[in-house]
Amino acid sequence: MAGSRWTGPKPAAALVRPDSRWSGDASGVCLLQRHFHRLTPLMPLDADASGLMVLTQDGRVWRRLSEDRDDIEQEFVVEVDGEIAPYGLQRLSHGLSYGGRALPPCKVSWQSEIRLRFAIKGVQGGQLRDMCAQVGLDVVAIRRLRIGRVALAKMPEGAWRYLRPPSARCATPCPPAPDAPLPGRNLPAAPTRSARWCRTRPPGGLRCRR
């Protein structure tokens, strides 16, 4: 979650502060100091990348996302320089290898003349940069836009919000209704290096933008 690639990396949790909560956070979760304790980043980014990150305090969420990470699609925009090799786009989609293993198919398209969009599962550290190099492209910048169904959207760099599944109720309703049922466990969203499913004791997941 750490600052932008221009300011250098910082620990993801360092971006999650009371004063950096996104003003557009519509979760309705009341901010409590305990929500900032022992936050663990899930599906981390490369040190020189930016974009969406998710942090949680719930070990069950951490285990679930760690076990299912290869089945969760992530979306990246990669700014590149150079001239792509013949059939390079097709090879990026299917036909490359990384770490001595053939890579499964993914979806790759041009977003602009200098930006590629990747929709990919099971991405490993350094993989996107290596894939681009195999087709003659140098990577200038990498930004993650989405993890599963959780998108970065309009959240600005360095901000975070609580993340909740549609069916979850606020763990810390604000304010509680006198006759309301006991709140269920919910999920916050994280800051940017950016920040899903989360059931935690306090809100379990934070979405961040790094």
Protein backbone atom coordinates (compact mmCIF):
# COMPACT_ATOMS: atom_id res chain seq x y z
CA MET A 1 0.00 0.00 0.00
CA ALA A 2 2.86 2.23 0.19
CA GLY A 3 3.04 5.61 -1.47
CA SER A 4 3.27 6.06 -5.14
CA ARG A 5 6.13 4.70 -7.19
CA TRP A 6 7.58 8.21 -7.31
CA THR A 7 7.92 8.62 -3.55
CA GLY A 8 9.17 5.12 -2.92
CA PRO A 9 7.53 2.19 -1.18
CA LYS A 10 6.24 2.22 2.37
CA PRO A 11 4.53 -0.54 4.35
CA ALA A 12 0.95 -0.82 3.13
CA ALA A 13 -0.49 -0.41 6.63
CA ALA A 14 1.29 2.95 6.95
CA LEU A 15 -1.25 4.43 4.54
CA VAL A 16 -4.18 3.43 6.74
CA ARG A 17 -4.59 6.40 9.08
CA PRO A 18 -7.70 8.14 10.38
CA ASP A 19 -6.91 11.24 8.34
CA SER A 20 -6.45 9.31 5.07
CA ARG A 21 -9.90 7.70 4.99
CA TRP A 22 -11.55 8.43 1.65
CA SER A 23 -14.26 11.08 1.88
CA GLY A 24 -16.30 9.01 -0.58
CA ASP A 25 -16.45 5.95 1.74
CA ALA A 26 -20.15 5.07 1.88
CA SER A 27 -19.80 1.98 4.09
CA GLY A 28 -21.36 3.62 7.15
CA VAL A 29 -18.72 2.06 9.41
CA CYS A 30 -17.66 4.10 12.43
CA LEU A 31 -13.91 4.52 12.57
CA LEU A 32 -12.32 3.00 15.69
CA GLN A 33 -8.66 2.87 16.67
CA ARG A 34 -8.78 -0.93 16.94
CA HIS A 35 -9.43 -1.11 13.20
CA PHE A 36 -5.82 -0.06 12.60
CA HIS A 37 -4.15 -2.80 14.66
CA ARG A 38 -2.29 -5.71 13.02
CA LEU A 39 -3.45 -5.07 9.46
CA THR A 40 -2.05 -7.60 7.00
CA PRO A 41 -1.90 -6.91 3.24
CA LEU A 42 -3.42 -9.55 0.97
CA MET A 43 -2.27 -10.27 -2.58
CA PRO A 44 0.62 -7.78 -2.36
CA LEU A 45 1.94 -5.71 -5.25
CA ASP A 46 5.45 -5.49 -6.64
CA ALA A 47 7.51 -2.80 -4.90
CA ASP A 48 7.45 -0.55 -7.99
CA ALA A 49 3.73 -0.99 -8.73
CA SER A 50 0.77 1.06 -7.52
CA GLY A 51 -2.98 0.69 -7.29
CA LEU A 52 -5.46 -1.37 -5.31
CA MET A 53 -4.62 -3.32 -2.15
CA VAL A 54 -6.67 -5.14 0.48
CA LEU A 55 -5.72 -5.36 4.16
CA THR A 56 -7.41 -7.36 6.91
CA GLN A 57 -7.18 -8.23 10.60
CA ASP A 58 -9.04 -11.51 10.20
CA GLY A 59 -6.90 -14.65 9.90
CA ARG A 60 -9.77 -16.50 8.24
CA VAL A 61 -9.95 -13.90 5.48
CA TRP A 62 -6.19 -14.04 5.06
CA ARG A 63 -6.27 -17.83 4.74
CA ARG A 64 -9.15 -17.79 2.30
CA LEU A 65 -7.58 -15.26 -0.03
CA SER A 66 -4.19 -16.93 0.25
CA GLU A 67 -5.67 -20.31 -0.69
CA ASP A 68 -7.91 -18.95 -3.47
CA ARG A 69 -5.57 -16.32 -4.91
CA ASP A 70 -4.87 -18.32 -8.09
CA ASP A 71 -8.62 -18.37 -8.87
CA ILE A 72 -9.20 -14.64 -8.34
CA GLU A 73 -8.91 -12.46 -11.42
CA GLN A 74 -6.94 -9.23 -11.09
CA GLU A 75 -6.92 -6.34 -13.53
CA PHE A 76 -3.81 -4.28 -14.26
CA VAL A 77 -2.92 -1.42 -16.56
CA VAL A 78 0.71 -1.59 -17.65
CA GLU A 79 2.38 1.39 -19.31
CA VAL A 80 5.01 0.19 -21.77
CA ASP A 81 7.71 1.50 -24.08
CA GLY A 82 9.17 -0.05 -27.24
CA GLU A 83 7.80 -1.91 -30.23
CA ILE A 84 5.87 -5.10 -29.61
CA ALA A 85 7.09 -8.23 -31.41
CA PRO A 86 4.99 -9.78 -34.20
CA TYR A 87 2.00 -11.63 -32.71
CA GLY A 88 3.07 -10.20 -29.35
CA LEU A 89 -0.46 -9.52 -28.14
CA GLN A 90 -1.52 -13.09 -28.88
CA ARG A 91 1.56 -14.40 -27.10
CA LEU A 92 0.83 -12.26 -24.06
CA SER A 93 -2.66 -13.77 -23.93
CA HIS A 94 -1.36 -17.34 -24.25
CA GLY A 95 1.98 -18.85 -25.11
CA LEU A 96 4.51 -17.44 -22.65
CA SER A 97 6.25 -19.02 -19.68
CA TYR A 98 7.54 -17.67 -16.38
CA GLY A 99 9.84 -19.33 -13.87
CA GLY A 100 10.19 -22.36 -16.14
CA ARG A 101 6.43 -22.98 -16.31
CA ALA A 102 3.92 -22.33 -19.08
CA LEU A 103 1.49 -19.58 -18.12
CA PRO A 104 -2.27 -20.16 -18.31
CA PRO A 105 -4.33 -18.01 -20.72
CA CYS A 106 -5.22 -14.47 -19.71
CA LYS A 107 -6.96 -11.50 -21.35
CA VAL A 108 -4.71 -8.77 -22.73
CA SER A 109 -5.72 -5.78 -24.85
CA TRP A 110 -4.45 -2.34 -25.77
CA GLN A 111 -6.04 0.40 -23.67
CA SER A 112 -4.11 3.09 -25.54
CA GLU A 113 -0.98 3.33 -27.67
CA ILE A 114 1.24 2.95 -24.60
CA ARG A 115 -0.96 1.05 -22.12
CA LEU A 116 -1.88 -2.62 -21.98
CA ARG A 117 -4.78 -3.97 -19.93
CA PHE A 118 -4.29 -7.37 -18.29
CA ALA A 119 -7.11 -9.44 -16.75
CA ILE A 120 -5.15 -12.26 -15.18
CA LYS A 121 -5.30 -14.92 -12.46
CA GLY A 122 -2.49 -16.23 -10.28
CA VAL A 123 -0.08 -13.46 -11.20
CA GLN A 124 3.29 -13.72 -9.48
CA GLY A 125 5.80 -11.09 -8.43
CA GLY A 126 7.67 -9.76 -11.45
CA GLN A 127 5.52 -11.75 -13.90
CA LEU A 128 3.93 -8.86 -15.79
CA ARG A 129 7.29 -7.16 -16.34
CA ASP A 130 8.81 -10.42 -17.57
CA MET A 131 5.88 -11.15 -19.91
CA CYS A 132 6.23 -7.73 -21.53
CA ALA A 133 9.99 -8.20 -21.92
CA GLN A 134 9.39 -11.48 -23.77
CA VAL A 135 7.52 -9.59 -26.51
CA GLY A 136 9.99 -6.71 -26.73
CA LEU A 137 8.35 -4.18 -24.39
CA ASP A 138 9.87 -2.30 -21.46
CA VAL A 139 7.54 -1.64 -18.52
CA VAL A 140 7.29 1.98 -17.39
CA ALA A 141 4.56 1.60 -14.75
CA ILE A 142 2.12 -0.99 -13.37
CA ARG A 143 -1.17 -0.15 -11.67
CA ARG A 144 -3.71 -2.62 -10.28
CA LEU A 145 -7.33 -1.59 -10.88
CA ARG A 146 -9.30 -4.56 -9.60
CA ILE A 147 -9.15 -7.67 -7.40
CA GLY A 148 -12.08 -9.97 -8.14
CA ARG A 149 -15.17 -7.75 -8.07
CA VAL A 150 -13.53 -5.03 -5.99
CA ALA A 151 -12.43 -2.09 -8.12
CA LEU A 152 -10.25 0.89 -7.36
CA ALA A 153 -12.84 3.18 -8.97
CA LYS A 154 -12.41 6.87 -8.08
CA MET A 155 -10.56 6.45 -4.79
CA PRO A 156 -7.51 8.76 -4.86
CA GLU A 157 -3.93 7.70 -4.25
CA GLY A 158 -3.04 7.29 -0.58
CA ALA A 159 -6.68 6.89 0.53
CA TRP A 160 -8.55 3.92 1.98
CA ARG A 161 -12.11 2.84 2.66
CA TYR A 162 -13.90 0.03 4.47
CA LEU A 163 -14.85 -2.91 2.30
CA ARG A 164 -18.10 -4.79 2.79
CA PRO A 165 -19.85 -7.53 0.83
CA PRO A 166 -23.33 -6.50 -0.33
CA SER A 167 -25.03 -8.78 2.20
CA ALA A 168 -22.94 -7.77 5.21
CA ARG A 169 -24.15 -5.50 7.96
CA CYS A 170 -21.94 -2.94 9.61
CA ALA A 171 -19.90 -4.38 12.44
CA THR A 172 -19.89 -0.99 14.13
CA PRO A 173 -23.13 0.70 13.07
CA CYS A 174 -23.07 4.47 13.27
CA PRO A 175 -25.21 5.28 15.12
CA PRO A 176 -26.96 2.05 16.27
CA ALA A 177 -30.71 2.03 16.20
CA PRO A 178 -32.27 1.35 19.64
CA ASP A 179 -34.26 -1.64 18.39
CA ALA A 180 -31.73 -2.84 15.80
CA PRO A 181 -30.61 -6.50 15.89
CA LEU A 182 -27.07 -7.26 16.89
CA PRO A 183 -24.77 -6.24 14.05
CA GLY A 184 -23.15 -8.91 11.96
CA ARG A 185 -19.49 -9.06 11.22
CA ASN A 186 -18.49 -6.99 8.26
CA LEU A 187 -15.67 -6.11 6.02
CA PRO A 188 -13.81 -2.93 5.34
CA ALA A 189 -12.06 -1.90 2.26
CA ALA A 190 -8.43 -1.03 2.02
CA PRO A 191 -6.13 1.79 0.93
CA THR A 192 -4.56 2.06 -2.52
CA ARG A 193 -0.90 0.67 -3.42
CA SER A 194 -3.57 0.71 -3.49
CA ALA A 195 -7.46 -2.19 -1.34
CA ARG A 196 -12.71 -7.42 -0.27
CA TRP A 197 -14.25 -10.08 1.12
CA CYS A 198 -13.87 -9.53 4.75
CA ARG A 199 -15.52 -10.73 7.85
CA THR A 200 -13.65 -9.57 10.83
CA ARG A 201 -14.05 -8.67 14.39
CA PRO A 202 -13.84 -5.02 13.59
CA PRO A 203 -14.45 -4.47 9.93
CA GLY A 204 -12.23 -7.09 8.42
CA GLY A 205 -11.00 -5.68 5.19
CA LEU A 206 -9.72 -2.34 4.09
CA ARG A 207 -9.30 -1.29 0.56
CA CYS A 208 -6.41 1.02 -0.07
CA ARG A 209 -4.93 2.95 -2.83
CA ARG A 210 -1.16 3.19 -2.85
